Amino acid sequence: MHQPHPKFKVLAGSSYDELKELPVNADMKDDGSPPYFEIKTADFEGRIVGNIKGFVDQTGEVGTSKYFDRKDRVGTTWSIQVQGRFLKPVTANDVLFGNTFSQPPRMPWGTSAALQFASFIDPTLSHDLTCERPWALSPMISTMPYFRAVHQSPTAPLPAFDPLAEFDEDVSGLFKDSSAVPKALLSTASQRKKYFQNETHRKEVEFTSETVLHVDFAYGYFQFPELCLSLPGGISFDLKKYWCNQPARFVCCERAPGGTGPGKVFFVVQFDIPDLGNHKSSGSPKGSETNSPRKTTPQPITVPGEKALGDDID
């Protein structure tokens, strides 16, 4: 008998404890609401847009977005798009993006080689899966597949934001003088990522209230609504079997004091799948935020974020 696809709930906010529902595929709604989720704190102000091809909402309806009709997003199945600025100066080395977990994530047999390859693709990826709250993070500037930075007065409102419009790779807004942009950066994502693999280069760049960023964390490895992870080489996993009854979090945060791990949170996007809460293969019960982690064999990890596996996309 055909099993219904699990329903999703996507949340966003400025911290783990301040989350509200993030409208997904909002461009397809005709209710006059803005197509983005707004965040404003003492450290960051911005807008977040979530698009998922095959998203199953709480009514069971499967939807999509015009975003996936764009020529520059062929093959993409999901996207977290952000426009915003940091209101207090912070170096590009200290702004991290990736995944944090409530407990060690449960990984299927056979993923070790693929995940080691992920770390090879993204040399700036670091992780700790043995601590109480595991994490896998990279500097945002070197892991985002799509990145744009522009100069703007800190007293001016954020510029118009059309999440359906194409935007070109551009890092000139990170430098006060356009002539100071290193030739190694030029205009492609691959060049940006390679340049900012160097920690010294990341420390030389500062995000300030005069820098408006537009980033798009978009990939095609997740297949919705089947909840299947498809990797290069024909490897695929049914993630429903390995859902650990914990949310999949994408976090932008400051590097913790001491140099590693997550510190102060700037914003969070969280995927919840309530329908899988009682799956027979799930891990600890709900409320596992306070539970001790299970003993697991540490492995390099980017799933469910997939963040290193496609980092050479321009």
Protein backbone atom coordinates (compact mmCIF):
# COMPACT_ATOMS: atom_id res chain seq x y z
CA MET A 1 0.00 0.00 0.00
CA HIS A 2 1.29 3.45 -0.89
CA GLN A 3 2.54 5.36 2.13
CA PRO A 4 1.83 9.12 2.17
CA HIS A 5 4.86 11.37 1.97
CA PRO A 6 5.88 12.83 5.35
CA LYS A 7 4.81 16.41 5.98
CA PHE A 8 7.44 19.06 6.58
CA LYS A 9 7.61 22.00 8.90
CA VAL A 10 10.32 24.61 8.32
CA LEU A 11 11.13 27.13 11.03
CA ALA A 12 13.45 30.14 11.20
CA GLY A 13 14.60 32.62 13.78
CA SER A 14 17.47 34.36 15.53
CA SER A 15 18.14 31.49 17.96
CA TYR A 16 17.15 27.89 18.70
CA ASP A 17 14.54 29.14 21.15
CA GLU A 18 13.08 31.90 18.96
CA LEU A 19 11.73 30.00 15.96
CA LYS A 20 8.66 30.69 13.87
CA GLU A 21 7.29 29.03 10.79
CA LEU A 22 9.16 29.93 7.60
CA PRO A 23 6.85 30.14 4.57
CA VAL A 24 8.17 27.73 1.92
CA ASN A 25 7.67 28.43 -1.79
CA ALA A 26 6.05 31.71 -0.72
CA ASP A 27 6.08 33.12 -4.26
CA MET A 28 3.27 30.70 -5.12
CA LYS A 29 0.99 32.20 -2.44
CA ASP A 30 -1.38 35.01 -3.37
CA ASP A 31 -2.16 36.40 0.07
CA GLY A 32 -0.22 39.68 -0.17
CA SER A 33 2.41 38.59 2.37
CA PRO A 34 6.11 39.27 1.69
CA PRO A 35 7.97 36.33 0.13
CA TYR A 36 10.53 36.26 2.91
CA PHE A 37 11.00 35.85 6.66
CA GLU A 38 12.50 38.87 8.46
CA ILE A 39 15.05 38.82 11.30
CA LYS A 40 16.29 41.81 13.28
CA THR A 41 18.57 41.56 16.32
CA ALA A 42 21.40 43.62 17.76
CA ASP A 43 23.84 41.57 15.66
CA PHE A 44 22.09 40.85 12.37
CA GLU A 45 19.19 42.02 10.23
CA GLY A 46 18.02 40.22 7.16
CA ARG A 47 15.51 38.24 5.19
CA ILE A 48 15.29 34.49 4.64
CA VAL A 49 13.56 32.63 1.83
CA GLY A 50 13.02 28.88 1.71
CA ASN A 51 12.25 27.03 -1.52
CA ILE A 52 11.81 23.26 -1.76
CA LYS A 53 10.85 21.37 -4.90
CA GLY A 54 8.30 18.79 -3.79
CA PHE A 55 7.65 20.35 -0.39
CA VAL A 56 4.78 18.64 1.47
CA ASP A 57 3.02 21.15 3.73
CA GLN A 58 0.90 20.41 6.79
CA THR A 59 -2.18 19.87 4.63
CA GLY A 60 -0.40 17.18 2.63
CA GLU A 61 -0.21 19.32 -0.52
CA VAL A 62 2.96 18.94 -2.62
CA GLY A 63 4.25 22.28 -3.92
CA THR A 64 7.11 23.99 -5.72
CA SER A 65 8.36 27.47 -6.65
CA LYS A 66 9.10 29.48 -9.77
CA TYR A 67 12.64 29.65 -8.38
CA PHE A 68 13.27 26.19 -9.84
CA ASP A 69 12.39 27.44 -13.34
CA ARG A 70 15.51 29.63 -13.37
CA LYS A 71 18.15 28.62 -15.89
CA ASP A 72 20.88 29.04 -13.28
CA ARG A 73 19.17 26.62 -10.89
CA VAL A 74 18.64 23.66 -13.19
CA GLY A 75 18.90 20.48 -11.11
CA THR A 76 18.45 22.31 -7.81
CA THR A 77 15.86 20.80 -5.44
CA TRP A 78 16.10 23.10 -2.42
CA SER A 79 17.41 26.49 -1.38
CA ILE A 80 17.93 28.65 1.69
CA GLN A 81 18.40 32.18 0.41
CA VAL A 82 19.46 35.03 2.70
CA GLN A 83 19.88 38.76 2.25
CA GLY A 84 21.18 40.73 5.19
CA ARG A 85 23.99 42.48 7.05
CA PHE A 86 25.90 42.07 10.27
CA LEU A 87 25.37 45.09 12.50
CA LYS A 88 28.61 44.66 14.43
CA PRO A 89 31.96 44.12 12.68
CA VAL A 90 32.99 40.48 12.42
CA THR A 91 35.67 38.91 10.23
CA ALA A 92 34.81 36.49 7.45
CA ASN A 93 36.84 33.89 9.33
CA ASP A 94 34.49 34.08 12.30
CA VAL A 95 31.14 33.79 10.49
CA LEU A 96 30.34 30.07 10.17
CA PHE A 97 27.55 28.23 8.39
CA GLY A 98 26.54 24.61 8.64
CA ASN A 99 24.77 22.11 10.86
CA THR A 100 24.37 21.66 14.58
CA PHE A 101 22.74 18.63 16.17
CA SER A 102 20.90 17.77 19.39
CA GLN A 103 22.61 14.39 19.50
CA PRO A 104 24.99 12.40 17.29
CA PRO A 105 23.25 11.94 13.90
CA ARG A 106 22.52 8.42 12.80
CA MET A 107 24.35 7.61 9.57
CA PRO A 108 23.68 4.69 7.21
CA TRP A 109 26.36 2.11 6.53
CA GLY A 110 28.47 3.00 3.51
CA THR A 111 28.54 6.79 3.91
CA SER A 112 32.04 7.08 5.35
CA ALA A 113 33.82 7.32 2.00
CA ALA A 114 31.33 9.85 0.64
CA LEU A 115 31.63 12.01 3.73
CA GLN A 116 35.41 11.91 3.65
CA PHE A 117 35.14 13.06 0.06
CA ALA A 118 32.94 15.90 1.29
CA SER A 119 35.71 17.07 3.60
CA PHE A 120 38.15 16.86 0.69
CA ILE A 121 35.87 19.07 -1.43
CA ASP A 122 35.52 21.62 1.39
CA PRO A 123 38.89 21.84 3.19
CA THR A 124 37.52 24.54 5.50
CA LEU A 125 34.95 22.15 6.97
CA SER A 126 35.51 21.34 10.64
CA HIS A 127 33.40 19.22 12.97
CA ASP A 128 33.07 17.57 16.35
CA LEU A 129 30.68 14.63 16.58
CA THR A 130 31.76 13.44 20.01
CA CYS A 131 30.72 16.49 22.02
CA GLU A 132 27.34 16.80 23.74
CA ARG A 133 25.96 18.95 20.89
CA PRO A 134 27.68 17.82 17.67
CA TRP A 135 28.37 20.29 14.87
CA ALA A 136 29.78 20.52 11.34
CA LEU A 137 30.62 24.05 10.18
CA SER A 138 32.58 26.00 7.59
CA PRO A 139 33.32 29.69 7.11
CA MET A 140 30.30 31.02 5.25
CA ILE A 141 32.42 32.87 2.70
CA SER A 142 34.18 29.70 1.54
CA THR A 143 31.26 27.25 1.62
CA MET A 144 28.34 29.16 0.06
CA PRO A 145 27.74 28.08 -3.55
CA TYR A 146 26.28 31.50 -4.45
CA PHE A 147 27.55 34.72 -2.88
CA ARG A 148 27.20 38.45 -3.49
CA ALA A 149 28.30 41.46 -1.42
CA VAL A 150 27.48 45.11 -2.07
CA HIS A 151 28.25 48.39 -0.29
CA GLN A 152 25.40 50.35 1.24
CA SER A 153 25.01 53.05 3.88
CA PRO A 154 24.39 51.49 7.29
CA THR A 155 21.52 53.93 7.87
CA ALA A 156 19.72 52.98 4.66
CA PRO A 157 17.14 50.18 4.66
CA LEU A 158 18.05 46.89 3.06
CA PRO A 159 17.74 47.06 -0.73
CA ALA A 160 14.86 45.53 -2.66
CA PHE A 161 15.00 41.75 -2.52
CA ASP A 162 13.61 39.57 -5.28
CA PRO A 163 14.40 35.94 -4.40
CA LEU A 164 13.35 34.82 -7.90
CA ALA A 165 15.83 37.05 -9.71
CA GLU A 166 19.23 35.79 -10.86
CA PHE A 167 22.26 37.42 -9.25
CA ASP A 168 25.90 37.36 -10.27
CA GLU A 169 28.80 36.30 -8.09
CA ASP A 170 30.36 39.51 -6.73
CA VAL A 171 32.75 40.08 -3.83
CA SER A 172 33.67 43.69 -4.60
CA GLY A 173 31.44 44.89 -1.76
CA LEU A 174 33.85 43.29 0.70
CA PHE A 175 36.51 45.85 -0.21
CA LYS A 176 36.28 49.62 0.25
CA ASP A 177 38.20 50.20 -2.98
CA SER A 178 37.33 48.09 -6.01
CA SER A 179 40.98 48.22 -7.07
CA ALA A 180 41.82 46.37 -3.85
CA VAL A 181 39.91 43.25 -4.90
CA PRO A 182 42.54 40.47 -5.28
CA LYS A 183 42.93 39.29 -8.86
CA ALA A 184 42.63 35.72 -7.60
CA LEU A 185 38.97 36.36 -6.76
CA LEU A 186 37.74 37.65 -10.12
CA SER A 187 34.12 36.62 -10.61
CA THR A 188 33.45 32.91 -10.04
CA ALA A 189 32.40 30.94 -6.99
CA SER A 190 35.28 28.49 -7.44
CA GLN A 191 37.81 31.30 -7.35
CA ARG A 192 36.21 32.83 -4.27
CA LYS A 193 36.17 29.52 -2.42
CA LYS A 194 39.76 28.72 -3.29
CA TYR A 195 40.97 32.17 -2.23
CA PHE A 196 39.14 32.09 1.08
CA GLN A 197 40.33 28.61 1.97
CA ASN A 198 43.27 30.59 3.31
CA GLU A 199 42.57 31.65 6.90
CA THR A 200 44.71 34.78 6.54
CA HIS A 201 42.59 35.94 3.61
CA ARG A 202 39.41 35.38 5.62
CA LYS A 203 40.77 37.39 8.53
CA GLU A 204 41.58 40.28 6.20
CA VAL A 205 37.90 40.69 5.27
CA GLU A 206 35.37 42.15 7.67
CA PHE A 207 31.58 42.06 7.45
CA THR A 208 30.16 45.37 8.70
CA SER A 209 26.84 47.20 8.65
CA GLU A 210 27.98 48.70 5.32
CA THR A 211 28.14 45.25 3.70
CA VAL A 212 24.90 43.76 2.41
CA LEU A 213 25.24 40.06 1.64
CA HIS A 214 23.06 37.95 -0.62
CA VAL A 215 23.79 34.23 -0.36
CA ASP A 216 22.02 31.15 -1.64
CA PHE A 217 22.63 27.74 -0.11
CA ALA A 218 21.17 25.67 -2.94
CA TYR A 219 21.79 22.08 -3.99
CA GLY A 220 20.18 19.13 -5.73
CA TYR A 221 21.21 16.15 -3.62
CA PHE A 222 18.02 16.01 -1.57
CA GLN A 223 15.03 14.59 -3.44
CA PHE A 224 11.64 15.69 -2.15
CA PRO A 225 9.09 14.55 -1.16
CA GLU A 226 10.71 11.09 -1.10
CA LEU A 227 13.35 12.21 1.45
CA CYS A 228 16.10 10.57 -0.55
CA LEU A 229 19.73 11.68 -0.56
CA SER A 230 21.34 11.09 -3.96
CA LEU A 231 25.13 11.39 -4.14
CA PRO A 232 27.52 11.38 -7.11
CA GLY A 233 28.30 7.90 -8.36
CA GLY A 234 24.75 6.63 -8.10
CA ILE A 235 24.75 6.29 -4.30
CA SER A 236 21.41 7.05 -2.66
CA PHE A 237 19.93 6.73 0.83
CA ASP A 238 16.37 6.69 2.10
CA LEU A 239 16.74 9.23 4.90
CA LYS A 240 13.45 8.23 6.51
CA LYS A 241 15.19 5.12 7.82
CA TYR A 242 17.87 7.17 9.56
CA TRP A 243 15.91 10.13 10.89
CA CYS A 244 17.01 10.46 14.51
CA ASN A 245 13.90 12.20 15.76
CA GLN A 246 15.77 15.50 15.90
CA PRO A 247 15.50 18.61 13.73
CA ALA A 248 17.86 19.24 10.84
CA ARG A 249 19.34 22.65 11.60
CA PHE A 250 21.19 25.05 9.33
CA VAL A 251 22.92 27.66 11.44
CA CYS A 252 24.82 30.86 10.80
CA CYS A 253 26.88 31.61 13.88
CA GLU A 254 30.02 33.23 15.17
CA ARG A 255 33.09 31.11 15.77
CA ALA A 256 33.26 30.17 19.44
CA PRO A 257 35.93 31.66 21.69
CA GLY A 258 38.96 29.43 21.38
CA GLY A 259 38.69 29.10 17.62
CA THR A 260 36.43 26.11 16.97
CA GLY A 261 32.78 25.21 17.10
CA PRO A 262 29.61 27.28 17.21
CA GLY A 263 29.39 30.45 19.28
CA LYS A 264 26.78 33.20 19.18
CA VAL A 265 23.95 32.39 16.77
CA PHE A 266 22.96 34.91 14.07
CA PHE A 267 20.10 32.94 12.50
CA VAL A 268 18.71 29.42 12.26
CA VAL A 269 16.67 27.53 9.66
CA GLN A 270 15.28 24.27 11.00
CA PHE A 271 13.59 21.35 9.24
CA ASP A 272 11.12 19.31 11.28
CA ILE A 273 9.33 16.19 10.07
CA PRO A 274 6.72 15.38 12.74
CA ASP A 275 5.45 12.37 10.78
CA LEU A 276 8.75 10.57 11.41
CA GLY A 277 8.77 11.22 15.15
CA ASN A 278 7.70 7.67 15.98
CA HIS A 279 9.56 5.88 13.18
CA LYS A 280 10.82 2.51 14.31
CA SER A 281 14.37 3.39 13.25
CA SER A 282 14.47 6.73 15.03
CA GLY A 283 16.89 7.40 17.87
CA SER A 284 16.21 9.03 21.20
CA PRO A 285 12.69 10.21 22.03
CA LYS A 286 11.46 13.76 21.73
CA GLY A 287 13.05 16.10 24.18
CA SER A 288 16.48 14.62 23.48
CA GLU A 289 18.03 18.08 23.77
CA THR A 290 18.73 17.18 27.40
CA ASN A 291 19.65 13.55 26.84
CA SER A 292 23.21 12.28 26.77
CA PRO A 293 24.39 11.43 23.24
CA ARG A 294 24.63 7.84 22.11
CA LYS A 295 28.07 6.38 21.61
CA THR A 296 28.84 6.47 17.91
CA THR A 297 31.88 6.15 15.70
CA PRO A 298 32.93 9.68 14.67
CA GLN A 299 32.88 10.32 10.92
CA PRO A 300 33.26 13.45 8.83
CA ILE A 301 29.74 14.72 8.27
CA THR A 302 27.81 17.27 6.31
CA VAL A 303 24.47 15.50 6.01
CA PRO A 304 21.71 16.63 6.25
CA GLY A 305 23.25 19.87 5.03
CA GLU A 306 25.07 18.33 2.01
CA LYS A 307 27.15 21.45 2.21
CA ALA A 308 30.52 20.19 1.09
CA LEU A 309 29.43 17.79 -1.61
CA GLY A 310 28.72 20.41 -4.28
CA ASP A 311 31.02 23.25 -3.37
CA ASP A 312 32.56 23.52 -6.80
CA ILE A 313 29.29 24.77 -8.29
CA ASP A 314 29.64 28.20 -9.90
